[in-house]
Amino acid sequence: LAGSVIFVATSASTGQGIATGDMGWAAFAVWALFPI
């Protein structure tokens, strides 16, 4: 759970992983849920 939260927080702060970054929202949500 902590890893997923850190991934979401750091990605939001750096602009990586979201729709305007390296991946779309769908892939970003899947990777955030992956460890959980």
Full PDB file with SEQRES, HELIX, SHEET, SSBOND, CRYST1, ORIGX, SCALE, CONECT and MASTER records, all heavy atoms in Angstrom:
SEQRES   1 A   36  LEU ALA GLY SER VAL ILE PHE VAL ALA THR SER ALA SER          
SEQRES   2 A   36  THR GLY GLN GLY ILE ALA THR GLY ASP MET GLY TRP ALA          
SEQRES   3 A   36  ALA PHE ALA VAL TRP ALA LEU PHE PRO ILE                      
HELIX    1 AA1 ALA A    2  THR A   14  1                                  13    
HELIX    2 AA2 TRP A   25  LEU A   33  1                                   9    
CRYST1    1.000    1.000    1.000  90.00  90.00  90.00 P 1           1          
ORIGX1      1.000000  0.000000  0.000000        0.00000                         
ORIGX2      0.000000  1.000000  0.000000        0.00000                         
ORIGX3      0.000000  0.000000  1.000000        0.00000                         
SCALE1      1.000000  0.000000  0.000000        0.00000                         
SCALE2      0.000000  1.000000  0.000000        0.00000                         
SCALE3      0.000000  0.000000  1.000000        0.00000                         
ATOM      1  N   LEU A   1       0.827  -1.207   0.000  1.00  0.00           N  
ATOM      2  CA  LEU A   1       0.000   0.000   0.000  1.00  0.00           C  
ATOM      3  C   LEU A   1       0.864   1.260   0.000  1.00  0.00           C  
ATOM      4  O   LEU A   1       0.595   2.213  -0.734  1.00  0.00           O  
ATOM      5  CB  LEU A   1      -0.919  -0.011   1.218  1.00  0.00           C  
ATOM      6  CG  LEU A   1      -1.844   1.202   1.383  1.00  0.00           C  
ATOM      7  CD1 LEU A   1      -2.769   1.327   0.188  1.00  0.00           C  
ATOM      8  CD2 LEU A   1      -2.644   1.093   2.683  1.00  0.00           C  
ATOM      9  N   ALA A   2       1.940   1.253   0.807  1.00  0.00           N  
ATOM     10  CA  ALA A   2       2.825   2.419   0.855  1.00  0.00           C  
ATOM     11  C   ALA A   2       3.497   2.653  -0.495  1.00  0.00           C  
ATOM     12  O   ALA A   2       3.626   3.801  -0.950  1.00  0.00           O  
ATOM     13  CB  ALA A   2       3.885   2.220   1.949  1.00  0.00           C  
ATOM     14  N   GLY A   3       3.917   1.584  -1.171  1.00  0.00           N  
ATOM     15  CA  GLY A   3       4.546   1.738  -2.481  1.00  0.00           C  
ATOM     16  C   GLY A   3       3.597   2.331  -3.503  1.00  0.00           C  
ATOM     17  O   GLY A   3       3.993   3.186  -4.312  1.00  0.00           O  
ATOM     18  N   SER A   4       2.352   1.902  -3.501  1.00  0.00           N  
ATOM     19  CA  SER A   4       1.370   2.460  -4.436  1.00  0.00           C  
ATOM     20  C   SER A   4       1.116   3.934  -4.156  1.00  0.00           C  
ATOM     21  O   SER A   4       1.027   4.750  -5.080  1.00  0.00           O  
ATOM     22  CB  SER A   4       0.055   1.670  -4.343  1.00  0.00           C  
ATOM     23  OG  SER A   4       0.226   0.339  -4.759  1.00  0.00           O  
ATOM     24  N   VAL A   5       1.015   4.290  -2.869  1.00  0.00           N  
ATOM     25  CA  VAL A   5       0.792   5.693  -2.506  1.00  0.00           C  
ATOM     26  C   VAL A   5       1.978   6.554  -2.926  1.00  0.00           C  
ATOM     27  O   VAL A   5       1.811   7.663  -3.482  1.00  0.00           O  
ATOM     28  CB  VAL A   5       0.528   5.811  -0.993  1.00  0.00           C  
ATOM     29  CG1 VAL A   5       0.490   7.275  -0.569  1.00  0.00           C  
ATOM     30  CG2 VAL A   5      -0.780   5.119  -0.629  1.00  0.00           C  
ATOM     31  N   ILE A   6       3.191   6.056  -2.689  1.00  0.00           N  
ATOM     32  CA  ILE A   6       4.387   6.812  -3.088  1.00  0.00           C  
ATOM     33  C   ILE A   6       4.442   6.974  -4.599  1.00  0.00           C  
ATOM     34  O   ILE A   6       4.778   8.045  -5.120  1.00  0.00           O  
ATOM     35  CB  ILE A   6       5.651   6.103  -2.568  1.00  0.00           C  
ATOM     36  CG1 ILE A   6       5.697   6.163  -1.040  1.00  0.00           C  
ATOM     37  CG2 ILE A   6       6.914   6.719  -3.160  1.00  0.00           C  
ATOM     38  CD1 ILE A   6       6.821   5.347  -0.426  1.00  0.00           C  
ATOM     39  N   PHE A   7       4.097   5.918  -5.335  1.00  0.00           N  
ATOM     40  CA  PHE A   7       4.096   5.982  -6.794  1.00  0.00           C  
ATOM     41  C   PHE A   7       3.126   7.044  -7.294  1.00  0.00           C  
ATOM     42  O   PHE A   7       3.455   7.850  -8.172  1.00  0.00           O  
ATOM     43  CB  PHE A   7       3.732   4.617  -7.356  1.00  0.00           C  
ATOM     44  CG  PHE A   7       3.515   4.603  -8.846  1.00  0.00           C  
ATOM     45  CD1 PHE A   7       4.568   4.811  -9.722  1.00  0.00           C  
ATOM     46  CD2 PHE A   7       2.248   4.385  -9.370  1.00  0.00           C  
ATOM     47  CE1 PHE A   7       4.364   4.791 -11.097  1.00  0.00           C  
ATOM     48  CE2 PHE A   7       2.033   4.371 -10.726  1.00  0.00           C  
ATOM     49  CZ  PHE A   7       3.093   4.577 -11.596  1.00  0.00           C  
ATOM     50  N   VAL A   8       1.930   7.077  -6.731  1.00  0.00           N  
ATOM     51  CA  VAL A   8       0.936   8.067  -7.152  1.00  0.00           C  
ATOM     52  C   VAL A   8       1.398   9.473  -6.796  1.00  0.00           C  
ATOM     53  O   VAL A   8       1.305  10.408  -7.610  1.00  0.00           O  
ATOM     54  CB  VAL A   8      -0.426   7.758  -6.507  1.00  0.00           C  
ATOM     55  CG1 VAL A   8      -1.423   8.878  -6.800  1.00  0.00           C  
ATOM     56  CG2 VAL A   8      -0.969   6.433  -7.019  1.00  0.00           C  
ATOM     57  N   ALA A   9       1.935   9.645  -5.575  1.00  0.00           N  
ATOM     58  CA  ALA A   9       2.350  10.972  -5.126  1.00  0.00           C  
ATOM     59  C   ALA A   9       3.522  11.508  -5.938  1.00  0.00           C  
ATOM     60  O   ALA A   9       3.505  12.663  -6.396  1.00  0.00           O  
ATOM     61  CB  ALA A   9       2.711  10.926  -3.646  1.00  0.00           C  
ATOM     62  N   THR A  10       4.544  10.680  -6.132  1.00  0.00           N  
ATOM     63  CA  THR A  10       5.712  11.149  -6.882  1.00  0.00           C  
ATOM     64  C   THR A  10       5.387  11.362  -8.360  1.00  0.00           C  
ATOM     65  O   THR A  10       5.900  12.299  -8.981  1.00  0.00           O  
ATOM     66  CB  THR A  10       6.860  10.133  -6.753  1.00  0.00           C  
ATOM     67  OG1 THR A  10       6.386   8.827  -7.149  1.00  0.00           O  
ATOM     68  CG2 THR A  10       7.371  10.066  -5.327  1.00  0.00           C  
ATOM     69  N   SER A  11       4.539  10.508  -8.935  1.00  0.00           N  
ATOM     70  CA  SER A  11       4.165  10.683 -10.335  1.00  0.00           C  
ATOM     71  C   SER A  11       3.370  11.962 -10.530  1.00  0.00           C  
ATOM     72  O   SER A  11       3.540  12.675 -11.520  1.00  0.00           O  
ATOM     73  CB  SER A  11       3.349   9.485 -10.826  1.00  0.00           C  
ATOM     74  OG  SER A  11       4.098   8.297 -10.748  1.00  0.00           O  
ATOM     75  N   ALA A  12       2.490  12.271  -9.571  1.00  0.00           N  
ATOM     76  CA  ALA A  12       1.706  13.502  -9.680  1.00  0.00           C  
ATOM     77  C   ALA A  12       2.580  14.738  -9.533  1.00  0.00           C  
ATOM     78  O   ALA A  12       2.364  15.756 -10.209  1.00  0.00           O  
ATOM     79  CB  ALA A  12       0.610  13.506  -8.617  1.00  0.00           C  
ATOM     80  N   SER A  13       3.598  14.653  -8.670  1.00  0.00           N  
ATOM     81  CA  SER A  13       4.454  15.825  -8.449  1.00  0.00           C  
ATOM     82  C   SER A  13       5.422  16.066  -9.595  1.00  0.00           C  
ATOM     83  O   SER A  13       5.774  17.213  -9.898  1.00  0.00           O  
ATOM     84  CB  SER A  13       5.235  15.661  -7.140  1.00  0.00           C  
ATOM     85  OG  SER A  13       6.105  14.532  -7.214  1.00  0.00           O  
ATOM     86  N   THR A  14       5.866  14.991 -10.258  1.00  0.00           N  
ATOM     87  CA  THR A  14       6.826  15.137 -11.354  1.00  0.00           C  
ATOM     88  C   THR A  14       6.177  15.154 -12.728  1.00  0.00           C  
ATOM     89  O   THR A  14       6.852  15.444 -13.714  1.00  0.00           O  
ATOM     90  CB  THR A  14       7.852  13.991 -11.321  1.00  0.00           C  
ATOM     91  OG1 THR A  14       7.161  12.733 -11.441  1.00  0.00           O  
ATOM     92  CG2 THR A  14       8.630  13.999 -10.021  1.00  0.00           C  
ATOM     93  N   GLY A  15       4.878  14.841 -12.796  1.00  0.00           N  
ATOM     94  CA  GLY A  15       4.195  14.824 -14.096  1.00  0.00           C  
ATOM     95  C   GLY A  15       4.476  13.588 -14.911  1.00  0.00           C  
ATOM     96  O   GLY A  15       4.169  13.544 -16.103  1.00  0.00           O  
ATOM     97  N   GLN A  16       5.070  12.554 -14.306  1.00  0.00           N  
ATOM     98  CA  GLN A  16       5.372  11.323 -15.017  1.00  0.00           C  
ATOM     99  C   GLN A  16       4.241  10.333 -14.798  1.00  0.00           C  
ATOM    100  O   GLN A  16       3.649  10.267 -13.733  1.00  0.00           O  
ATOM    101  CB  GLN A  16       6.690  10.716 -14.523  1.00  0.00           C  
ATOM    102  CG  GLN A  16       7.885  11.625 -14.710  1.00  0.00           C  
ATOM    103  CD  GLN A  16       8.243  11.801 -16.167  1.00  0.00           C  
ATOM    104  OE1 GLN A  16       8.059  10.881 -16.948  1.00  0.00           O  
ATOM    105  NE2 GLN A  16       8.747  12.958 -16.522  1.00  0.00           N  
ATOM    106  N   GLY A  17       3.975   9.510 -15.831  1.00  0.00           N  
ATOM    107  CA  GLY A  17       3.031   8.428 -15.690  1.00  0.00           C  
ATOM    108  C   GLY A  17       1.591   8.793 -15.923  1.00  0.00           C  
ATOM    109  O   GLY A  17       0.745   7.928 -16.037  1.00  0.00           O  
ATOM    110  N   ILE A  18       1.253  10.104 -15.978  1.00  0.00           N  
ATOM    111  CA  ILE A  18      -0.125  10.486 -16.227  1.00  0.00           C  
ATOM    112  C   ILE A  18      -0.334  10.672 -17.714  1.00  0.00           C  
ATOM    113  O   ILE A  18       0.550  10.420 -18.518  1.00  0.00           O  
ATOM    114  CB  ILE A  18      -0.482  11.768 -15.448  1.00  0.00           C  
ATOM    115  CG1 ILE A  18       0.458  12.915 -15.834  1.00  0.00           C  
ATOM    116  CG2 ILE A  18      -0.409  11.534 -13.960  1.00  0.00           C  
ATOM    117  CD1 ILE A  18       0.105  14.216 -15.157  1.00  0.00           C  
ATOM    118  N   ALA A  19      -1.532  11.097 -18.089  1.00  0.00           N  
ATOM    119  CA  ALA A  19      -1.888  11.131 -19.510  1.00  0.00           C  
ATOM    120  C   ALA A  19      -0.962  12.027 -20.325  1.00  0.00           C  
ATOM    121  O   ALA A  19      -0.739  11.793 -21.505  1.00  0.00           O  
ATOM    122  CB  ALA A  19      -3.334  11.596 -19.662  1.00  0.00           C  
ATOM    123  N   THR A  20      -0.410  13.054 -19.696  1.00  0.00           N  
ATOM    124  CA  THR A  20       0.498  13.931 -20.429  1.00  0.00           C  
ATOM    125  C   THR A  20       1.943  13.475 -20.345  1.00  0.00           C  
ATOM    126  O   THR A  20       2.824  14.107 -20.897  1.00  0.00           O  
ATOM    127  CB  THR A  20       0.399  15.365 -19.878  1.00  0.00           C  
ATOM    128  OG1 THR A  20       0.680  15.336 -18.480  1.00  0.00           O  
ATOM    129  CG2 THR A  20      -1.001  15.919 -20.088  1.00  0.00           C  
ATOM    130  N   GLY A  21       2.180  12.375 -19.621  1.00  0.00           N  
ATOM    131  CA  GLY A  21       3.532  11.871 -19.445  1.00  0.00           C  
ATOM    132  C   GLY A  21       3.791  10.647 -20.279  1.00  0.00           C  
ATOM    133  O   GLY A  21       3.461  10.568 -21.447  1.00  0.00           O  
ATOM    134  N   ASP A  22       4.356   9.620 -19.625  1.00  0.00           N  
ATOM    135  CA  ASP A  22       4.807   8.444 -20.346  1.00  0.00           C  
ATOM    136  C   ASP A  22       3.722   7.414 -20.615  1.00  0.00           C  
ATOM    137  O   ASP A  22       3.877   6.562 -21.470  1.00  0.00           O  
ATOM    138  CB  ASP A  22       5.940   7.770 -19.556  1.00  0.00           C  
ATOM    139  CG  ASP A  22       7.145   8.680 -19.435  1.00  0.00           C  
ATOM    140  OD1 ASP A  22       7.296   9.537 -20.318  1.00  0.00           O  
ATOM    141  OD2 ASP A  22       7.905   8.532 -18.463  1.00  0.00           O  
ATOM    142  N   MET A  23       2.620   7.451 -19.860  1.00  0.00           N  
ATOM    143  CA  MET A  23       1.571   6.454 -20.047  1.00  0.00           C  
ATOM    144  C   MET A  23       0.216   7.111 -19.858  1.00  0.00           C  
ATOM    145  O   MET A  23       0.091   8.201 -19.322  1.00  0.00           O  
ATOM    146  CB  MET A  23       1.755   5.298 -19.066  1.00  0.00           C  
ATOM    147  CG  MET A  23       1.611   5.668 -17.615  1.00  0.00           C  
ATOM    148  SD  MET A  23       1.816   4.259 -16.492  1.00  0.00           S  
ATOM    149  CE  MET A  23       3.597   4.052 -16.573  1.00  0.00           C  
ATOM    150  N   GLY A  24      -0.823   6.433 -20.316  1.00  0.00           N  
ATOM    151  CA  GLY A  24      -2.163   6.961 -20.187  1.00  0.00           C  
ATOM    152  C   GLY A  24      -2.728   6.727 -18.795  1.00  0.00           C  
ATOM    153  O   GLY A  24      -2.134   6.047 -17.947  1.00  0.00           O  
ATOM    154  N   TRP A  25      -3.912   7.295 -18.575  1.00  0.00           N  
ATOM    155  CA  TRP A  25      -4.539   7.163 -17.267  1.00  0.00           C  
ATOM    156  C   TRP A  25      -4.836   5.705 -16.929  1.00  0.00           C  
ATOM    157  O   TRP A  25      -4.720   5.296 -15.771  1.00  0.00           O  
ATOM    158  CB  TRP A  25      -5.828   7.992 -17.241  1.00  0.00           C  
ATOM    159  CG  TRP A  25      -5.590   9.454 -17.063  1.00  0.00           C  
ATOM    160  CD1 TRP A  25      -5.686  10.431 -18.012  1.00  0.00           C  
ATOM    161  CD2 TRP A  25      -5.198  10.120 -15.858  1.00  0.00           C  
ATOM    162  NE1 TRP A  25      -5.387  11.655 -17.473  1.00  0.00           N  
ATOM    163  CE2 TRP A  25      -5.086  11.503 -16.155  1.00  0.00           C  
ATOM    164  CE3 TRP A  25      -4.932   9.682 -14.566  1.00  0.00           C  
ATOM    165  CZ2 TRP A  25      -4.725  12.433 -15.200  1.00  0.00           C  
ATOM    166  CZ3 TRP A  25      -4.582  10.617 -13.608  1.00  0.00           C  
ATOM    167  CH2 TRP A  25      -4.478  11.979 -13.933  1.00  0.00           C  
ATOM    168  N   ALA A  26      -5.263   4.932 -17.928  1.00  0.00           N  
ATOM    169  CA  ALA A  26      -5.621   3.527 -17.665  1.00  0.00           C  
ATOM    170  C   ALA A  26      -4.403   2.740 -17.173  1.00  0.00           C  
ATOM    171  O   ALA A  26      -4.461   2.034 -16.161  1.00  0.00           O  
ATOM    172  CB  ALA A  26      -6.201   2.887 -18.917  1.00  0.00           C  
ATOM    173  N   ALA A  27      -3.280   2.862 -17.897  1.00  0.00           N  
ATOM    174  CA  ALA A  27      -2.069   2.150 -17.490  1.00  0.00           C  
ATOM    175  C   ALA A  27      -1.555   2.659 -16.143  1.00  0.00           C  
ATOM    176  O   ALA A  27      -1.077   1.876 -15.307  1.00  0.00           O  
ATOM    177  CB  ALA A  27      -0.988   2.304 -18.561  1.00  0.00           C  
ATOM    178  N   PHE A  28      -1.678   3.968 -15.921  1.00  0.00           N  
ATOM    179  CA  PHE A  28      -1.231   4.538 -14.652  1.00  0.00           C  
ATOM    180  C   PHE A  28      -2.031   3.957 -13.484  1.00  0.00           C  
ATOM    181  O   PHE A  28      -1.470   3.583 -12.442  1.00  0.00           O  
ATOM    182  CB  PHE A  28      -1.385   6.052 -14.695  1.00  0.00           C  
ATOM    183  CG  PHE A  28      -1.031   6.738 -13.402  1.00  0.00           C  
ATOM    184  CD1 PHE A  28       0.275   6.797 -12.973  1.00  0.00           C  
ATOM    185  CD2 PHE A  28      -2.019   7.321 -12.621  1.00  0.00           C  
ATOM    186  CE1 PHE A  28       0.608   7.425 -11.780  1.00  0.00           C  
ATOM    187  CE2 PHE A  28      -1.700   7.943 -11.423  1.00  0.00           C  
ATOM    188  CZ  PHE A  28      -0.387   8.002 -11.011  1.00  0.00           C  
ATOM    189  N   ALA A  29      -3.359   3.842 -13.655  1.00  0.00           N  
ATOM    190  CA  ALA A  29      -4.204   3.279 -12.601  1.00  0.00           C  
ATOM    191  C   ALA A  29      -3.888   1.804 -12.367  1.00  0.00           C  
ATOM    192  O   ALA A  29      -3.852   1.339 -11.223  1.00  0.00           O  
ATOM    193  CB  ALA A  29      -5.674   3.464 -12.968  1.00  0.00           C  
ATOM    194  N   VAL A  30      -3.642   1.067 -13.454  1.00  0.00           N  
ATOM    195  CA  VAL A  30      -3.333  -0.357 -13.315  1.00  0.00           C  
ATOM    196  C   VAL A  30      -2.034  -0.556 -12.552  1.00  0.00           C  
ATOM    197  O   VAL A  30      -1.943  -1.394 -11.644  1.00  0.00           O  
ATOM    198  CB  VAL A  30      -3.268  -1.029 -14.704  1.00  0.00           C  
ATOM    199  CG1 VAL A  30      -2.696  -2.437 -14.597  1.00  0.00           C  
ATOM    200  CG2 VAL A  30      -4.648  -1.088 -15.332  1.00  0.00           C  
ATOM    201  N   TRP A  31      -1.005   0.214 -12.904  1.00  0.00           N  
ATOM    202  CA  TRP A  31       0.280   0.057 -12.211  1.00  0.00           C  
ATOM    203  C   TRP A  31       0.181   0.487 -10.748  1.00  0.00           C  
ATOM    204  O   TRP A  31       0.857  -0.073  -9.875  1.00  0.00           O  
ATOM    205  CB  TRP A  31       1.365   0.862 -12.918  1.00  0.00           C  
ATOM    206  CG  TRP A  31       1.828   0.223 -14.188  1.00  0.00           C  
ATOM    207  CD1 TRP A  31       1.719   0.723 -15.446  1.00  0.00           C  
ATOM    208  CD2 TRP A  31       2.466  -1.051 -14.323  1.00  0.00           C  
ATOM    209  NE1 TRP A  31       2.242  -0.158 -16.360  1.00  0.00           N  
ATOM    210  CE2 TRP A  31       2.705  -1.258 -15.698  1.00  0.00           C  
ATOM    211  CE3 TRP A  31       2.848  -2.041 -13.428  1.00  0.00           C  
ATOM    212  CZ2 TRP A  31       3.315  -2.410 -16.187  1.00  0.00           C  
ATOM    213  CZ3 TRP A  31       3.449  -3.196 -13.912  1.00  0.00           C  
ATOM    214  CH2 TRP A  31       3.676  -3.360 -15.277  1.00  0.00           C  
ATOM    215  N   ALA A  32      -0.665   1.491 -10.462  1.00  0.00           N  
ATOM    216  CA  ALA A  32      -0.848   1.899  -9.070  1.00  0.00           C  
ATOM    217  C   ALA A  32      -1.535   0.800  -8.255  1.00  0.00           C  
ATOM    218  O   ALA A  32      -1.245   0.619  -7.064  1.00  0.00           O  
ATOM    219  CB  ALA A  32      -1.661   3.187  -9.008  1.00  0.00           C  
ATOM    220  N   LEU A  33      -2.440   0.051  -8.887  1.00  0.00           N  
ATOM    221  CA  LEU A  33      -3.150  -1.023  -8.195  1.00  0.00           C  
ATOM    222  C   LEU A  33      -2.379  -2.342  -8.205  1.00  0.00           C  
ATOM    223  O   LEU A  33      -2.751  -3.272  -7.472  1.00  0.00           O  
ATOM    224  CB  LEU A  33      -4.524  -1.242  -8.839  1.00  0.00           C  
ATOM    225  CG  LEU A  33      -5.539  -0.108  -8.676  1.00  0.00           C  
ATOM    226  CD1 LEU A  33      -6.771  -0.402  -9.513  1.00  0.00           C  
ATOM    227  CD2 LEU A  33      -5.913   0.066  -7.210  1.00  0.00           C  
ATOM    228  N   PHE A  34      -1.347  -2.433  -9.029  1.00  0.00           N  
ATOM    229  CA  PHE A  34      -0.641  -3.689  -9.233  1.00  0.00           C  
ATOM    230  C   PHE A  34      -0.160  -4.325  -7.933  1.00  0.00           C  
ATOM    231  O   PHE A  34      -0.480  -5.487  -7.642  1.00  0.00           O  
ATOM    232  CB  PHE A  34       0.534  -3.448 -10.184  1.00  0.00           C  
ATOM    233  CG  PHE A  34       1.063  -4.685 -10.837  1.00  0.00           C  
ATOM    234  CD1 PHE A  34       0.565  -5.111 -12.059  1.00  0.00           C  
ATOM    235  CD2 PHE A  34       2.060  -5.434 -10.238  1.00  0.00           C  
ATOM    236  CE1 PHE A  34       1.042  -6.258 -12.666  1.00  0.00           C  
ATOM    237  CE2 PHE A  34       2.553  -6.580 -10.832  1.00  0.00           C  
ATOM    238  CZ  PHE A  34       2.035  -6.988 -12.063  1.00  0.00           C  
ATOM    239  N   PRO A  35       0.598  -3.618  -7.076  1.00  0.00           N  
ATOM    240  CA  PRO A  35       1.076  -4.263  -5.831  1.00  0.00           C  
ATOM    241  C   PRO A  35      -0.076  -4.651  -4.907  1.00  0.00           C  
ATOM    242  O   PRO A  35      -0.019  -5.697  -4.253  1.00  0.00           O  
ATOM    243  CB  PRO A  35       1.966  -3.195  -5.194  1.00  0.00           C  
ATOM    244  CG  PRO A  35       2.268  -2.224  -6.278  1.00  0.00           C  
ATOM    245  CD  PRO A  35       1.096  -2.237  -7.190  1.00  0.00           C  
ATOM    246  N   ILE A  36      -1.110  -3.814  -4.856  1.00  0.00           N  
ATOM    247  CA  ILE A  36      -2.217  -4.081  -3.942  1.00  0.00           C  
ATOM    248  C   ILE A  36      -2.970  -5.334  -4.357  1.00  0.00           C  
ATOM    249  O   ILE A  36      -3.330  -6.165  -3.516  1.00  0.00           O  
ATOM    250  CB  ILE A  36      -3.164  -2.858  -3.897  1.00  0.00           C  
ATOM    251  CG1 ILE A  36      -2.405  -1.631  -3.381  1.00  0.00           C  
ATOM    252  CG2 ILE A  36      -4.371  -3.141  -3.025  1.00  0.00           C  
ATOM    253  CD1 ILE A  36      -3.215  -0.358  -3.409  1.00  0.00           C  
TER     254      ILE A  36                                                      
MASTER        0    0    0    2    0    0    0    6  253    1    0    3          
END                                                                             
